[in-house]
Structure formats: C-alpha cells, structure tokens
Amino acid sequence: MPAVDSKIAHQDFNEARKLGERAFELLLEHAIAPTPQCYAVAYLYAAGTHAELRAEIDQRLHSGRALDAFLFAELHERHIAVDPYKNLRGVGGDLKQLVEQLAQSVGEAGEGAAAFGRELEAGLGELDGASGADAVEAVVMRLADATRDAVRGNVQLQQQLHDTLEETETLRSELEQQRRAALLDPLTGLLNRRGMDAQFDELMAVDPSEPLSVLMVDIDHFKRINDTYGHALGDAVIRNVAEVIRKCLRGADQAVRYGGEEFIVLLPQTPEDAALHLAETIRTRIQSLRLVRKRDNFMLEPFTASLGVATRARDDTRETLLQRVDSALYASKGAGRNRVTVGAAQFAGH
C-alpha cells in the first residue's frame, strides 16, 4: 500500500485499527472490493487527513450517488498514486543520458579541432625553417594525416549528431504517447478527469461572452445491469455509450469519462439550444442501442441514459457550472430517467 499522510504514520495501533475498521465498513457498505487501492482511499477518507479527497467523496454521498470501485481507483490515481508518471521519469532519464553523450561527443570534437589547430601551427613553423624538399614533404605528410584525422572526427560527430537526433525524436514520441495515455480512460479512450481538468480550465479562461455548454450523461440503472449480467457486459455497455457520445462530437468538443457510468461533454462555442439538441441526439441514440454478445448471441435488454445540460453564465466558475449540470442531471433522474433537463425546463423522452 502506498505511503500515507505523516499524521497517520504516528498514530498508535488502536487508533489505526479503528480507522481500518471504518475503512472496511465504508467499502462493504458500498459493495466495493477491498483492493489495496480502494482500501487506501477508504482509509484516508476515514482518517480525514486529506481534505480534497474527503470533500469529493462527501459531495458524491450528499448528492445521493453510490460510491464505486471506478471512483475509488480514480481518486487513488489523482490523490495517492504516482505510478502513471514513472514511465515519464524513465524517459527523462534516457533523455539526460542522451544529452550527456552528446556533450561528450561535442567536447571530444572540440579537443580534436584544437589538436588540429596545434598541428597546423607547428607545421607552418616548420615550413618557415624547412630548407629542403624532404623536410617540406615530411611537414606536408604530417599535415595531411592531421587533416584526415580531423575529417574522420567531423564525420563521426555528424553521425553521432544524426543518431542522437533520431533517438531524441523517438523519446519525444514516446513521451507524448505516455503523456496522452495518462490523460485517457483505458476502457473508453475518452479523457479521464485529469485530462478534463486542463481542457476545462482553458475553456473557462475564454471570454465569458463566448458560449460554453456542458452535458452530463448517466446510464440509467447501471448497477442493475452489472448485477444482472456481470461486469464484462457492464463494461461493454460503457464502451458502446462512449462510442455513441464520441460519434456525436463536433470539432473542438471533448468527451470525458467522469465516473463509473457517468460522462461529461464539453461544448465550446455552443449555446444552450444547440447543446440541448445534441443532448437529445445522444439520448435517442443510446436508447436505440441493441447489444448482442457474440459468443452466444445473447441480446442485452435495451437501456437508457439521463442527461443534464448547463450553459455558462457570466459569473460561473468551473465548480458552479459542474454543480448546475449535475443538478440538471439528477432532475432528469428524479423525473423518471431517459430524459434531458436544462435549467428548470424538462424534456421528456419517448
């Protein structure tokens, strides 16, 4: 288990045992397997020493939503784990080694150039004092050898520079791939919450007069799907819903897997009426999905999704905009599901 807060490390055994019991109770209450990742999150929550992590879980509980393993894994990644960045640090070490090798090559080339200069000066001095053809020929032969050595050194340096450039491009490509992977949800290929943060901040930095809308999508009765058909089919449902959302994106739109069965869609340059139209398109396409398991041609019962829509007001922050779209989504849930809610207006499904 990863290292936890220093305040926890100094607790006596009895207090630590009580925290462990509360952590297990939280996991059991929400039917979350006590994996090391989930237990670490539950323990920190019980200890109350990580304010941001505790606030996220409390907000989820207060909104009436269940806690799940996906949320705990995501909280672990953002607040506890450093593993997603180990590969990036490895690439940094490789790049450092490349730079050191290049510096050594350039240094050696500099020493070679200085030696060549010394040979030229010595040769010119000897030519001034040479009195016969043999002496002149000896100087010329020595200078020719020095010149060939310098040329070989330059050719070698050019090859080293070329090889280093190729290796640097390879490392740059690997670094970019790993950076992107750290921002994507592995199941759906959509942005994860870490990936959403930077995108959302950029959009909120734009002039508030520019329209910005946000959709929140939640698969209806998803726990029932998981409990009835198993997690493999549950994952298939999530992947297919993600694909529906992805196919509805336009231009700069960004889709995010926000929770286990929750998605967010960021819609820059999109006023409320256009966002509502897109939300209805997503809702009807999800409602029309028919999933068949290939190995036995089993057809999953049709399922639906509820959506909320919110458009940025001039005084909105990212937090208030997310709160408004979250409230709109849960108004859809409370009104019967399979519908879109925008503000106080409600649009029933068919």
Protein backbone atom coordinates (compact mmCIF):
# COMPACT_ATOMS: atom_id res chain seq x y z
CA MET A 1 0.00 0.00 0.00
CA PRO A 2 1.34 3.49 -0.79
CA ALA A 3 2.70 5.73 1.92
CA VAL A 4 0.02 7.83 3.58
CA ASP A 5 -0.03 11.14 5.34
CA SER A 6 2.63 11.67 8.06
CA LYS A 7 -0.10 12.41 10.61
CA ILE A 8 -1.39 8.85 10.12
CA ALA A 9 2.08 7.33 10.43
CA HIS A 10 2.35 8.46 14.07
CA GLN A 11 -1.00 7.12 15.24
CA ASP A 12 -0.89 4.33 17.76
CA PHE A 13 -2.04 0.83 16.92
CA ASN A 14 -5.53 1.11 18.42
CA GLU A 15 -6.36 4.28 16.55
CA ALA A 16 -5.03 2.82 13.30
CA ARG A 17 -7.11 -0.32 13.85
CA LYS A 18 -10.26 1.76 14.35
CA LEU A 19 -9.56 3.67 11.14
CA GLY A 20 -9.02 0.38 9.32
CA GLU A 21 -12.36 -0.93 10.58
CA ARG A 22 -14.13 2.23 9.43
CA ALA A 23 -12.44 1.95 6.04
CA PHE A 24 -13.66 -1.64 5.64
CA GLU A 25 -17.17 -0.65 6.74
CA LEU A 26 -17.25 2.06 4.07
CA LEU A 27 -16.15 -0.40 1.39
CA LEU A 28 -18.62 -3.09 2.50
CA GLU A 29 -21.49 -0.59 2.71
CA HIS A 30 -20.99 0.30 -0.95
CA ALA A 31 -20.10 -3.22 -2.15
CA ILE A 32 -16.57 -2.19 -3.13
CA ALA A 33 -13.91 -4.90 -3.10
CA PRO A 34 -11.18 -4.09 -0.52
CA THR A 35 -8.33 -4.00 -3.03
CA PRO A 36 -5.16 -2.17 -1.90
CA GLN A 37 -6.13 0.86 -3.99
CA CYS A 38 -9.70 1.06 -2.69
CA TYR A 39 -8.62 0.38 0.89
CA ALA A 40 -6.02 3.17 0.73
CA VAL A 41 -8.69 5.64 -0.39
CA ALA A 42 -11.17 4.46 2.26
CA TYR A 43 -8.51 4.67 4.98
CA LEU A 44 -7.58 8.23 4.04
CA TYR A 45 -11.26 9.15 4.00
CA ALA A 46 -11.78 7.64 7.44
CA ALA A 47 -8.70 9.43 8.79
CA GLY A 48 -9.90 12.78 7.44
CA THR A 49 -6.36 13.99 6.77
CA HIS A 50 -6.79 14.51 3.01
CA ALA A 51 -9.31 17.33 2.70
CA GLU A 52 -9.72 17.28 -1.08
CA LEU A 53 -10.26 13.52 -1.27
CA ARG A 54 -12.74 13.63 1.62
CA ALA A 55 -14.64 16.52 0.02
CA GLU A 56 -15.05 14.62 -3.26
CA ILE A 57 -16.45 11.54 -1.51
CA ASP A 58 -18.74 13.63 0.71
CA GLN A 59 -20.08 15.52 -2.30
CA ARG A 60 -20.83 12.21 -4.01
CA LEU A 61 -22.62 10.88 -0.92
CA HIS A 62 -24.61 14.07 -0.37
CA SER A 63 -25.84 14.03 -3.97
CA GLY A 64 -27.30 10.57 -3.37
CA ARG A 65 -24.95 8.75 -5.75
CA ALA A 66 -23.37 5.44 -4.84
CA LEU A 67 -19.65 5.06 -4.39
CA ASP A 68 -17.99 2.51 -6.67
CA ALA A 69 -14.62 0.93 -7.45
CA PHE A 70 -14.11 3.14 -10.51
CA LEU A 71 -14.42 6.29 -8.40
CA PHE A 72 -12.01 4.91 -5.79
CA ALA A 73 -9.47 3.89 -8.44
CA GLU A 74 -9.71 7.36 -9.98
CA LEU A 75 -9.31 9.03 -6.56
CA HIS A 76 -6.32 6.82 -5.84
CA GLU A 77 -4.69 7.80 -9.12
CA ARG A 78 -5.24 11.53 -8.63
CA HIS A 79 -4.55 11.85 -4.91
CA ILE A 80 -2.27 8.97 -3.90
CA ALA A 81 -0.56 7.14 -6.73
CA VAL A 82 2.43 8.34 -8.69
CA ASP A 83 2.70 5.27 -10.95
CA PRO A 84 1.26 6.93 -14.11
CA TYR A 85 4.35 9.14 -14.16
CA LYS A 86 7.06 6.52 -13.60
CA ASN A 87 7.39 5.98 -17.34
CA LEU A 88 7.69 9.71 -17.90
CA ARG A 89 10.52 9.87 -15.38
CA GLY A 90 12.19 6.97 -17.20
CA VAL A 91 12.06 8.86 -20.46
CA GLY A 92 13.55 11.87 -18.69
CA GLY A 93 16.48 9.70 -17.57
CA ASP A 94 17.03 8.44 -21.11
CA LEU A 95 16.98 11.98 -22.41
CA LYS A 96 19.53 13.06 -19.78
CA GLN A 97 21.82 10.23 -20.87
CA LEU A 98 21.48 11.31 -24.50
CA VAL A 99 22.40 14.89 -23.65
CA GLU A 100 25.43 13.73 -21.66
CA GLN A 101 26.59 11.57 -24.58
CA LEU A 102 26.11 14.43 -27.00
CA ALA A 103 28.05 16.82 -24.74
CA GLN A 104 30.87 14.30 -24.56
CA SER A 105 30.92 13.95 -28.36
CA VAL A 106 30.99 17.70 -28.86
CA GLY A 107 33.74 18.00 -26.26
CA GLU A 108 35.79 15.34 -27.99
CA ALA A 109 35.24 17.11 -31.31
CA GLY A 110 36.40 20.35 -29.73
CA GLU A 111 39.55 18.68 -28.45
CA GLY A 112 40.15 17.24 -31.92
CA ALA A 113 39.75 20.66 -33.52
CA ALA A 114 42.18 22.19 -31.01
CA ALA A 115 44.72 19.42 -31.73
CA PHE A 116 44.32 20.03 -35.46
CA GLY A 117 44.95 23.74 -34.90
CA ARG A 118 48.10 22.96 -32.96
CA GLU A 119 49.31 20.68 -35.77
CA LEU A 120 48.72 23.47 -38.30
CA GLU A 121 50.65 26.00 -36.24
CA ALA A 122 53.54 23.57 -35.75
CA GLY A 123 53.57 22.69 -39.43
CA LEU A 124 53.60 26.32 -40.51
CA GLY A 125 56.51 26.95 -38.15
CA GLU A 126 58.44 24.03 -39.57
CA LEU A 127 57.75 25.16 -43.14
CA ASP A 128 59.29 28.52 -42.37
CA GLY A 129 62.54 26.77 -41.38
CA ALA A 130 62.49 23.96 -43.95
CA SER A 131 65.42 24.13 -46.34
CA GLY A 132 64.95 21.04 -48.48
CA ALA A 133 62.32 19.11 -50.40
CA ASP A 134 62.43 16.18 -47.97
CA ALA A 135 61.74 18.44 -44.99
CA VAL A 136 58.86 20.14 -46.77
CA GLU A 137 57.42 16.77 -47.85
CA ALA A 138 57.57 15.50 -44.25
CA VAL A 139 55.65 18.55 -43.00
CA VAL A 140 53.05 18.17 -45.74
CA MET A 141 52.57 14.47 -44.97
CA ARG A 142 52.10 15.25 -41.28
CA LEU A 143 49.55 17.96 -42.05
CA ALA A 144 47.75 15.60 -44.44
CA ASP A 145 47.50 12.98 -41.68
CA ALA A 146 46.20 15.59 -39.24
CA THR A 147 43.65 16.75 -41.82
CA ARG A 148 42.41 13.21 -42.39
CA ASP A 149 42.08 12.71 -38.63
CA ALA A 150 40.07 15.95 -38.35
CA VAL A 151 37.79 14.93 -41.24
CA ARG A 152 37.21 11.50 -39.65
CA GLY A 153 36.41 13.21 -36.36
CA ASN A 154 33.91 15.53 -38.04
CA VAL A 155 32.26 12.65 -39.92
CA GLN A 156 31.98 10.72 -36.65
CA LEU A 157 30.48 13.75 -34.90
CA GLN A 158 27.97 14.25 -37.70
CA GLN A 159 26.92 10.61 -37.43
CA GLN A 160 26.61 10.92 -33.65
CA LEU A 161 24.54 14.06 -34.05
CA HIS A 162 22.30 12.29 -36.57
CA ASP A 163 21.87 9.24 -34.30
CA THR A 164 21.17 11.47 -31.30
CA LEU A 165 18.54 13.40 -33.25
CA GLU A 166 16.80 10.15 -34.21
CA GLU A 167 16.89 8.88 -30.62
CA THR A 168 15.59 12.22 -29.35
CA GLU A 169 12.68 12.09 -31.80
CA THR A 170 11.89 8.54 -30.65
CA LEU A 171 11.94 9.62 -27.00
CA ARG A 172 9.82 12.66 -27.77
CA SER A 173 7.25 10.42 -29.46
CA GLU A 174 7.25 8.00 -26.50
CA LEU A 175 6.91 10.87 -24.06
CA GLU A 176 3.94 12.27 -25.96
CA GLN A 177 2.28 8.84 -26.11
CA GLN A 178 2.73 8.32 -22.37
CA ARG A 179 1.51 11.83 -21.60
CA ARG A 180 -1.62 11.19 -23.64
CA ALA A 181 -2.14 7.77 -22.05
CA ALA A 182 -2.03 9.33 -18.57
CA LEU A 183 -4.94 11.60 -19.59
CA LEU A 184 -7.16 8.92 -21.14
CA ASP A 185 -9.58 6.41 -19.65
CA PRO A 186 -8.29 2.95 -20.70
CA LEU A 187 -11.76 1.38 -21.10
CA THR A 188 -13.30 4.01 -23.41
CA GLY A 189 -10.40 6.03 -24.80
CA LEU A 190 -12.15 9.22 -23.66
CA LEU A 191 -10.46 11.80 -21.46
CA ASN A 192 -10.28 10.92 -17.79
CA ARG A 193 -10.84 13.52 -15.08
CA ARG A 194 -7.18 14.54 -15.07
CA GLY A 195 -7.39 15.06 -18.83
CA MET A 196 -10.59 17.06 -18.41
CA ASP A 197 -9.05 19.49 -15.92
CA ALA A 198 -6.69 21.18 -18.37
CA GLN A 199 -9.31 21.32 -21.13
CA PHE A 200 -11.94 22.76 -18.79
CA ASP A 201 -9.58 25.40 -17.41
CA GLU A 202 -8.70 26.55 -20.93
CA LEU A 203 -12.37 26.85 -21.85
CA MET A 204 -13.20 28.76 -18.68
CA ALA A 205 -10.37 31.20 -19.42
CA VAL A 206 -12.08 32.27 -22.65
CA ASP A 207 -14.19 35.46 -22.63
CA PRO A 208 -17.49 34.63 -20.82
CA SER A 209 -19.40 36.19 -23.71
CA GLU A 210 -18.33 33.17 -25.79
CA PRO A 211 -20.93 30.39 -25.29
CA LEU A 212 -19.82 27.29 -23.42
CA SER A 213 -22.16 24.42 -22.60
CA VAL A 214 -21.65 21.20 -20.65
CA LEU A 215 -23.56 17.93 -20.83
CA MET A 216 -23.59 15.27 -18.13
CA VAL A 217 -24.68 11.78 -19.17
CA ASP A 218 -25.51 8.95 -16.75
CA ILE A 219 -26.54 5.42 -17.77
CA ASP A 220 -29.85 4.58 -16.12
CA HIS A 221 -29.99 1.64 -13.69
CA PHE A 222 -26.39 0.72 -14.45
CA LYS A 223 -25.93 -1.14 -11.15
CA ARG A 224 -28.81 -3.41 -12.17
CA ILE A 225 -27.05 -4.12 -15.49
CA ASN A 226 -23.83 -5.04 -13.67
CA ASP A 227 -25.61 -7.15 -11.06
CA THR A 228 -27.75 -8.98 -13.64
CA TYR A 229 -25.31 -9.55 -16.48
CA GLY A 230 -21.87 -9.18 -14.88
CA HIS A 231 -19.09 -6.63 -15.19
CA ALA A 232 -17.95 -7.79 -18.64
CA LEU A 233 -21.30 -6.81 -20.16
CA GLY A 234 -21.35 -3.72 -17.97
CA ASP A 235 -18.02 -2.67 -19.49
CA ALA A 236 -19.44 -3.34 -22.97
CA VAL A 237 -22.35 -1.01 -22.20
CA ILE A 238 -19.94 1.73 -21.06
CA ARG A 239 -17.79 1.32 -24.19
CA ASN A 240 -20.79 1.50 -26.50
CA VAL A 241 -22.24 4.55 -24.78
CA ALA A 242 -18.82 6.20 -25.03
CA GLU A 243 -18.78 5.43 -28.76
CA VAL A 244 -22.23 6.96 -29.21
CA ILE A 245 -21.03 10.13 -27.49
CA ARG A 246 -17.78 10.18 -29.48
CA LYS A 247 -19.66 9.95 -32.80
CA CYS A 248 -21.80 12.94 -31.82
CA LEU A 249 -18.81 15.21 -31.12
CA ARG A 250 -18.12 18.16 -33.38
CA GLY A 251 -14.86 19.99 -33.86
CA ALA A 252 -13.45 21.10 -30.51
CA ASP A 253 -16.00 19.15 -28.39
CA GLN A 254 -14.42 16.93 -25.72
CA ALA A 255 -15.94 13.85 -24.06
CA VAL A 256 -14.87 12.67 -20.60
CA ARG A 257 -15.49 9.51 -18.63
CA TYR A 258 -16.30 11.31 -15.39
CA GLY A 259 -17.37 8.40 -13.20
CA GLY A 260 -18.16 4.70 -13.45
CA GLU A 261 -21.19 5.20 -15.71
CA GLU A 262 -21.07 8.99 -15.93
CA PHE A 263 -19.78 11.08 -18.81
CA ILE A 264 -19.25 14.79 -19.36
CA VAL A 265 -19.20 16.53 -22.73
CA LEU A 266 -17.55 19.95 -23.02
CA LEU A 267 -19.08 22.05 -25.79
CA PRO A 268 -17.15 25.24 -26.61
CA GLN A 269 -18.83 27.78 -28.87
CA THR A 270 -22.17 26.08 -28.18
CA PRO A 271 -25.25 27.96 -26.93
CA GLU A 272 -27.95 26.30 -24.89
CA ASP A 273 -30.30 25.41 -27.75
CA ALA A 274 -27.54 23.64 -29.71
CA ALA A 275 -26.38 21.82 -26.56
CA LEU A 276 -29.95 20.68 -25.91
CA HIS A 277 -30.25 19.38 -29.48
CA LEU A 278 -27.00 17.43 -29.11
CA ALA A 279 -28.09 16.02 -25.76
CA GLU A 280 -31.35 14.77 -27.29
CA THR A 281 -29.41 13.17 -30.14
CA ILE A 282 -27.17 11.34 -27.66
CA ARG A 283 -30.16 10.24 -25.57
CA THR A 284 -32.10 8.81 -28.51
CA ARG A 285 -29.06 7.02 -29.93
CA ILE A 286 -28.32 5.39 -26.57
CA GLN A 287 -31.96 4.36 -26.30
CA SER A 288 -31.67 2.74 -29.75
CA LEU A 289 -28.57 0.67 -28.93
CA ARG A 290 -29.01 -3.09 -29.23
CA LEU A 291 -26.06 -5.03 -27.87
CA VAL A 292 -25.53 -8.70 -28.72
CA ARG A 293 -22.92 -10.90 -27.06
CA LYS A 294 -21.06 -12.66 -29.87
CA ARG A 295 -20.22 -15.94 -28.17
CA ASP A 296 -23.87 -16.93 -27.58
CA ASN A 297 -25.90 -14.28 -29.47
CA PHE A 298 -27.37 -13.12 -26.16
CA MET A 299 -29.16 -9.79 -26.62
CA LEU A 300 -28.98 -7.34 -23.73
CA GLU A 301 -32.23 -5.65 -22.80
CA PRO A 302 -32.47 -2.05 -24.11
CA PHE A 303 -31.19 0.58 -21.69
CA THR A 304 -31.37 4.35 -21.49
CA ALA A 305 -29.49 7.36 -20.16
CA SER A 306 -30.41 10.57 -18.40
CA LEU A 307 -28.76 13.86 -19.26
CA GLY A 308 -28.29 17.33 -17.84
CA VAL A 309 -27.39 20.48 -19.76
CA ALA A 310 -25.90 23.70 -18.41
CA THR A 311 -24.61 26.76 -20.25
CA ARG A 312 -22.05 29.04 -18.64
CA ALA A 313 -23.32 32.23 -17.08
CA ARG A 314 -21.03 35.23 -16.80
CA ASP A 315 -20.33 34.66 -13.08
CA ASP A 316 -19.87 30.87 -13.32
CA THR A 317 -16.72 29.14 -12.14
CA ARG A 318 -15.88 25.62 -13.22
CA GLU A 319 -17.25 24.33 -9.91
CA THR A 320 -20.57 26.18 -10.16
CA LEU A 321 -21.03 25.13 -13.79
CA LEU A 322 -20.43 21.48 -12.87
CA GLN A 323 -22.81 21.80 -9.92
CA ARG A 324 -25.55 23.17 -12.19
CA VAL A 325 -25.16 20.43 -14.81
CA ASP A 326 -25.06 17.82 -12.04
CA SER A 327 -28.30 19.21 -10.58
CA ALA A 328 -29.90 19.17 -14.03
CA LEU A 329 -28.89 15.52 -14.49
CA TYR A 330 -30.40 14.50 -11.17
CA ALA A 331 -33.57 16.39 -12.01
CA SER A 332 -33.78 14.08 -15.05
CA LYS A 333 -33.23 11.08 -12.81
CA GLY A 334 -35.86 12.24 -10.35
CA ALA A 335 -38.40 12.89 -13.09
CA GLY A 336 -38.31 9.33 -14.40
CA ARG A 337 -34.99 8.97 -16.30
CA ASN A 338 -34.41 8.74 -20.06
CA ARG A 339 -34.76 12.46 -20.49
CA VAL A 340 -32.81 15.70 -20.78
CA THR A 341 -33.10 18.53 -18.31
CA VAL A 342 -31.76 22.00 -18.95
CA GLY A 343 -32.11 24.54 -16.20
CA ALA A 344 -35.68 24.42 -14.99
CA ALA A 345 -37.01 23.17 -18.33
CA GLN A 346 -37.67 19.47 -18.77
CA PHE A 347 -37.89 17.46 -21.94
CA ALA A 348 -39.38 14.01 -21.62
CA GLY A 349 -38.11 11.01 -23.52
CA HIS A 350 -40.23 8.85 -25.75
